């Protein structure tokens, strides 16, 4: 009969209200004598009923005492309504099982160099290391020689000639050459050279030479004495490898070098200190 539920709901409200008015008219016709009092009570009842019925009618709950009719015919299905508004986002789903490990990506480029950090605290001393192996014993550099004139040395000598002290007394390193009368430096450092000459039959003057330059000169006058005289001199020289030192005649007439079984003329030299420091082992 009614196609829409809303129309059916309004019809029920109207029917119930009409039944209520009929009961009110019957009540009024029986109580005319106390119309005023009844009217007051009726108004109060109407207010109470209105509040009560309005709540029930809104909820579509009609009391059985007011509606005594037969149930209505079921309505036909309603028309499909318009699409509702989108619902809220659902809850997050459960975590799925871990996926397979992906392939290794390409190496990234080098980042910019960061600022230099602060200096850290001083660390604790490390443990004492093991004792090292015995090292080789260093041998100090050596250089020394001594030679004298032989008795058969031809005299006199010419100016500019090196005096050849041809009899070797000491020459372990081989730095002195008896054939030339010259000492050649191999170890750099300070050397001391000394000449002890026996002077006889003539005065004597000679120079201590270094690389062609006279470093010191010595002279002894001979005055026809019956016995030989002596002349000694020495000097400290700084040499480098390759330098040469020898004794050379200064004047041709002052060539009184003499040597015999009881007296000699010698030329000696030795290294005082080397310039080599913290060097390797020397032989």
Protein backbone atom coordinates (compact mmCIF):
# COMPACT_ATOMS: atom_id res chain seq x y z
CA UNK A 1 0.00 0.00 0.00
CA UNK A 2 2.73 2.45 1.03
CA UNK A 3 5.80 2.38 -1.16
CA UNK A 4 7.98 4.53 1.07
CA UNK A 5 8.80 3.80 4.73
CA UNK A 6 8.74 7.48 5.51
CA UNK A 7 5.07 7.83 4.44
CA UNK A 8 4.16 4.78 6.52
CA UNK A 9 5.87 6.31 9.55
CA UNK A 10 3.93 9.59 9.16
CA UNK A 11 0.64 7.73 8.80
CA UNK A 12 1.24 5.87 12.08
CA UNK A 13 1.99 9.09 13.88
CA UNK A 14 -1.23 10.65 12.57
CA UNK A 15 -3.39 7.64 13.46
CA UNK A 16 -2.05 7.48 17.02
CA UNK A 17 -2.54 11.16 17.56
CA UNK A 18 -6.15 10.96 16.25
CA UNK A 19 -6.92 8.12 18.65
CA UNK A 20 -5.52 10.17 21.47
CA UNK A 21 -7.80 13.11 20.59
CA UNK A 22 -10.87 10.87 20.62
CA UNK A 23 -10.07 9.70 24.12
CA UNK A 24 -9.57 13.29 25.20
CA UNK A 25 -13.05 14.31 23.84
CA UNK A 26 -14.69 11.43 25.73
CA UNK A 27 -12.96 12.42 28.88
CA UNK A 28 -14.06 16.06 28.51
CA UNK A 29 -17.73 15.13 27.94
CA UNK A 30 -17.83 13.15 31.21
CA UNK A 31 -16.15 15.79 33.33
CA UNK A 32 -17.87 19.06 32.53
CA UNK A 33 -18.23 20.05 36.15
CA UNK A 34 -14.56 20.23 36.71
CA UNK A 35 -13.64 21.53 33.31
CA UNK A 36 -11.10 24.01 34.49
CA UNK A 37 -9.27 21.62 36.78
CA UNK A 38 -9.42 18.87 34.20
CA UNK A 39 -8.18 21.25 31.52
CA UNK A 40 -5.17 22.10 33.64
CA UNK A 41 -4.45 18.44 34.24
CA UNK A 42 -5.05 17.76 30.59
CA UNK A 43 -2.50 20.33 29.52
CA UNK A 44 0.07 18.89 31.90
CA UNK A 45 -0.67 15.43 30.64
CA UNK A 46 -0.38 16.65 27.07
CA UNK A 47 3.04 18.08 27.76
CA UNK A 48 4.20 14.87 29.43
CA UNK A 49 2.74 12.72 26.68
CA UNK A 50 4.15 14.93 24.00
CA UNK A 51 7.67 14.56 25.42
CA UNK A 52 7.18 10.82 25.86
CA UNK A 53 5.60 10.18 22.45
CA UNK A 54 7.98 12.44 20.60
CA UNK A 55 10.92 10.34 21.79
CA UNK A 56 9.19 7.08 20.89
CA UNK A 57 7.98 8.36 17.54
CA UNK A 58 11.41 9.54 16.62
CA UNK A 59 12.71 6.08 17.32
CA UNK A 60 9.77 4.56 15.44
CA UNK A 61 8.62 2.91 18.66
CA UNK A 62 4.82 3.33 18.92
CA UNK A 63 3.35 1.96 22.17
CA UNK A 64 1.03 -1.00 21.61
CA UNK A 65 -1.66 0.67 23.71
CA UNK A 66 -2.03 3.52 21.18
CA UNK A 67 -1.78 1.49 17.98
CA UNK A 68 -4.08 -1.47 17.84
CA UNK A 69 -4.43 -1.82 14.05
CA UNK A 70 -3.36 -4.74 11.87
CA UNK A 71 0.20 -4.90 10.56
CA UNK A 72 0.61 -3.18 7.23
CA UNK A 73 1.62 -4.77 3.98
CA UNK A 74 5.42 -4.91 3.53
CA UNK A 75 6.62 -2.16 1.29
CA UNK A 76 8.45 -2.67 -1.92
CA UNK A 77 12.28 -2.39 -1.97
CA UNK A 78 13.52 1.16 -2.03
CA UNK A 79 15.36 2.78 -4.88
CA UNK A 80 19.15 2.59 -4.78
CA UNK A 81 20.52 5.59 -3.03
CA UNK A 82 23.27 7.86 -4.32
CA UNK A 83 26.88 6.85 -3.63
CA UNK A 84 28.00 7.72 -0.15
CA UNK A 85 31.03 9.78 0.76
CA UNK A 86 34.41 8.05 0.70
CA UNK A 87 35.13 6.23 3.92
CA UNK A 88 38.09 6.86 6.18
CA UNK A 89 41.43 5.24 5.60
CA UNK A 90 41.56 1.76 7.02
CA UNK A 91 44.06 0.60 9.59
CA UNK A 92 47.58 -0.31 8.57
CA UNK A 93 47.88 -3.92 7.55
CA UNK A 94 50.16 -6.40 9.21
CA UNK A 95 53.83 -6.51 8.29
CA UNK A 96 54.49 -8.86 5.42
CA UNK A 97 57.33 -11.35 5.35
CA UNK A 98 60.77 -9.84 4.49
CA UNK A 99 61.46 -9.72 0.79
CA UNK A 100 64.50 -11.20 -0.91
CA UNK A 101 67.81 -9.36 -0.68
CA UNK A 102 68.26 -6.98 -3.57
CA UNK A 103 71.34 -6.62 -5.74
CA UNK A 104 74.26 -4.53 -4.56
CA UNK A 105 74.02 -0.97 -5.79
CA UNK A 106 76.74 1.01 -7.53
CA UNK A 107 79.42 2.59 -5.41
CA UNK A 108 78.59 6.17 -4.55
CA UNK A 109 80.88 9.06 -5.28
CA UNK A 110 83.35 10.35 -2.71
CA UNK A 111 81.89 12.87 -0.32
CA UNK A 112 83.41 16.23 0.46
CA UNK A 113 86.29 16.26 2.90
CA UNK A 114 85.07 17.12 6.34
CA UNK A 115 86.60 19.68 8.65
CA UNK A 116 89.62 18.61 10.63
CA UNK A 117 88.67 17.29 14.03
CA UNK A 118 90.09 18.38 17.34
CA UNK A 119 93.34 16.87 18.55
CA UNK A 120 92.62 13.85 20.67
CA UNK A 121 93.93 13.18 24.13
CA UNK A 122 97.41 11.78 24.52
CA UNK A 123 97.33 8.02 24.52
CA UNK A 124 98.77 5.77 27.16
CA UNK A 125 102.38 4.60 26.75
CA UNK A 126 102.65 1.44 24.75
CA UNK A 127 104.13 -1.77 25.97
CA UNK A 128 107.89 -2.19 25.91
CA UNK A 129 109.01 -3.78 22.68
CA UNK A 130 111.14 -6.84 22.35
CA UNK A 131 114.87 -6.52 22.50
CA UNK A 132 116.43 -6.17 19.08
CA UNK A 133 119.16 -8.29 17.62
CA UNK A 134 122.81 -7.55 18.22
CA UNK A 135 124.13 -5.08 15.71
CA UNK A 136 127.50 -5.10 14.03
CA UNK A 137 130.32 -3.41 15.83
CA UNK A 138 131.35 -0.18 14.10
CA UNK A 139 135.04 0.29 13.41
CA UNK A 140 136.35 3.84 13.65
CA UNK A 141 137.96 5.14 10.44
CA UNK A 142 141.75 5.01 10.47
CA UNK A 143 144.52 6.61 8.50
CA UNK A 144 148.15 6.82 9.54
CA UNK A 145 151.61 6.49 8.04
CA UNK A 146 155.28 7.09 8.75
CA UNK A 147 158.32 6.88 6.44
CA UNK A 148 162.02 7.86 6.54
CA UNK A 149 164.83 8.68 4.13
CA UNK A 150 167.06 5.78 3.21
CA UNK A 151 170.82 6.17 3.55
CA UNK A 152 171.42 6.00 -0.23
CA UNK A 153 169.09 8.92 -1.11
CA UNK A 154 170.79 11.02 -3.81
CA UNK A 155 171.50 14.58 -2.72
CA UNK A 156 171.17 17.45 -3.35
CA UNK A 157 167.45 17.71 -4.38
CA UNK A 158 166.07 20.19 -6.91
CA UNK A 159 163.64 22.98 -6.01
CA UNK A 160 160.02 21.91 -6.47
CA UNK A 161 160.77 18.25 -6.08
CA UNK A 162 158.87 16.17 -3.50
CA UNK A 163 161.11 14.57 -0.93
CA UNK A 164 160.66 10.84 -1.27
CA UNK A 165 160.74 9.25 2.18
CA UNK A 166 161.26 5.85 0.67
CA UNK A 167 161.51 3.56 3.67
CA UNK A 168 158.03 2.68 5.03
CA UNK A 169 157.66 2.44 8.80
CA UNK A 170 153.81 2.34 8.95
CA UNK A 171 151.26 2.43 6.15
CA UNK A 172 148.46 -0.03 6.97
CA UNK A 173 145.79 1.78 4.94
CA UNK A 174 148.16 2.39 1.99
CA UNK A 175 147.42 6.12 1.92
CA UNK A 176 151.11 7.06 1.52
CA UNK A 177 152.99 6.38 -1.74
CA UNK A 178 156.74 5.86 -1.19
CA UNK A 179 157.51 6.21 -4.90
CA UNK A 180 156.06 9.72 -5.15
CA UNK A 181 156.45 10.77 -1.49
CA UNK A 182 152.81 11.89 -1.41
CA UNK A 183 149.94 11.15 1.01
CA UNK A 184 146.42 10.89 -0.54
CA UNK A 185 143.36 11.42 1.68
CA UNK A 186 140.55 8.81 1.70
CA UNK A 187 138.72 9.68 4.93
CA UNK A 188 137.63 13.30 5.34
CA UNK A 189 138.66 15.00 8.56
CA UNK A 190 141.50 16.70 10.42
CA UNK A 191 145.04 15.29 10.07
CA UNK A 192 148.31 16.05 11.81
CA UNK A 193 151.53 15.96 9.77
CA UNK A 194 155.05 16.12 11.22
CA UNK A 195 158.52 16.35 9.65
CA UNK A 196 161.68 15.55 11.67
CA UNK A 197 164.85 16.29 9.67
CA UNK A 198 168.54 15.77 10.45
CA UNK A 199 170.52 18.71 9.05
CA UNK A 200 174.14 18.14 8.05
CA UNK A 201 176.72 19.67 5.65
CA UNK A 202 174.22 22.36 4.48
CA UNK A 203 171.34 24.54 5.68
CA UNK A 204 167.85 23.22 5.17
CA UNK A 205 164.55 24.83 4.10
CA UNK A 206 161.41 22.88 3.08
CA UNK A 207 157.65 23.42 2.75
CA UNK A 208 154.67 21.27 3.80
CA UNK A 209 152.51 21.21 0.68
CA UNK A 210 148.77 20.59 0.21
CA UNK A 211 147.50 20.27 -3.37
CA UNK A 212 150.41 22.42 -4.68
CA UNK A 213 150.14 25.15 -2.01
CA UNK A 214 152.65 25.64 0.84
CA UNK A 215 150.77 25.30 4.15
CA UNK A 216 153.88 25.69 6.35
CA UNK A 217 157.63 26.44 5.80
CA UNK A 218 160.59 25.42 7.94
CA UNK A 219 164.28 26.54 7.95
CA UNK A 220 167.47 25.51 9.77
CA UNK A 221 170.86 27.19 9.29
CA UNK A 222 173.97 25.05 9.29
CA UNK A 223 177.24 26.79 10.26
CA UNK A 224 179.92 24.18 9.54
CA UNK A 225 179.35 22.47 12.86
CA UNK A 226 181.16 19.23 13.46
CA UNK A 227 177.94 17.44 14.38
CA UNK A 228 174.48 17.29 12.67
CA UNK A 229 171.65 19.58 13.73
CA UNK A 230 167.93 18.89 13.69
CA UNK A 231 164.81 20.60 12.33
CA UNK A 232 161.25 19.59 13.28
CA UNK A 233 157.87 20.98 12.37
CA UNK A 234 154.22 19.94 12.25
CA UNK A 235 150.80 21.22 11.24
CA UNK A 236 147.08 20.31 11.44
CA UNK A 237 145.29 20.22 8.07
CA UNK A 238 141.68 19.57 7.12
CA UNK A 239 141.43 17.24 4.15
CA UNK A 240 138.75 15.79 1.95
CA UNK A 241 139.03 12.63 -0.15
CA UNK A 242 141.50 13.19 -3.01
CA UNK A 243 143.61 15.86 -1.29
CA UNK A 244 147.41 15.25 -1.35
CA UNK A 245 150.11 16.30 1.13
CA UNK A 246 153.92 16.08 0.69
CA UNK A 247 157.25 17.69 1.66
CA UNK A 248 158.92 19.88 -0.97
CA UNK A 249 162.32 21.63 -1.22
CA UNK A 250 162.06 25.42 -1.03
CA UNK A 251 165.61 26.49 -2.11
CA UNK A 252 168.17 24.43 -4.02
CA UNK A 253 171.10 25.59 -1.86
CA UNK A 254 169.25 24.73 1.36
CA UNK A 255 168.99 21.00 0.93
CA UNK A 256 170.71 19.64 4.01
CA UNK A 257 168.52 16.53 4.59
CA UNK A 258 170.68 13.82 6.12
CA UNK A 259 170.20 10.20 7.16
CA UNK A 260 172.59 7.64 8.67
CA UNK A 261 172.63 4.56 10.84
CA UNK A 262 172.37 6.73 13.94
CA UNK A 263 170.09 9.56 12.83
CA UNK A 264 167.05 9.76 10.52
CA UNK A 265 164.77 12.18 8.69
CA UNK A 266 161.09 11.19 8.84
CA UNK A 267 157.68 12.24 7.46
CA UNK A 268 154.55 11.12 9.41
CA UNK A 269 150.85 11.81 9.44
CA UNK A 270 147.62 10.48 11.02
CA UNK A 271 143.87 11.17 11.25
CA UNK A 272 142.86 13.13 14.35
CA UNK A 273 139.09 13.05 13.87
CA UNK A 274 136.79 12.13 10.99
CA UNK A 275 133.98 14.16 9.46
CA UNK A 276 131.89 11.02 9.11
CA UNK A 277 129.07 10.87 11.68
CA UNK A 278 126.61 8.03 12.23
CA UNK A 279 128.20 6.31 9.28
CA UNK A 280 128.20 2.63 8.42
CA UNK A 281 130.89 0.23 9.42
CA UNK A 282 134.31 1.23 8.15
CA UNK A 283 137.02 -1.25 7.28
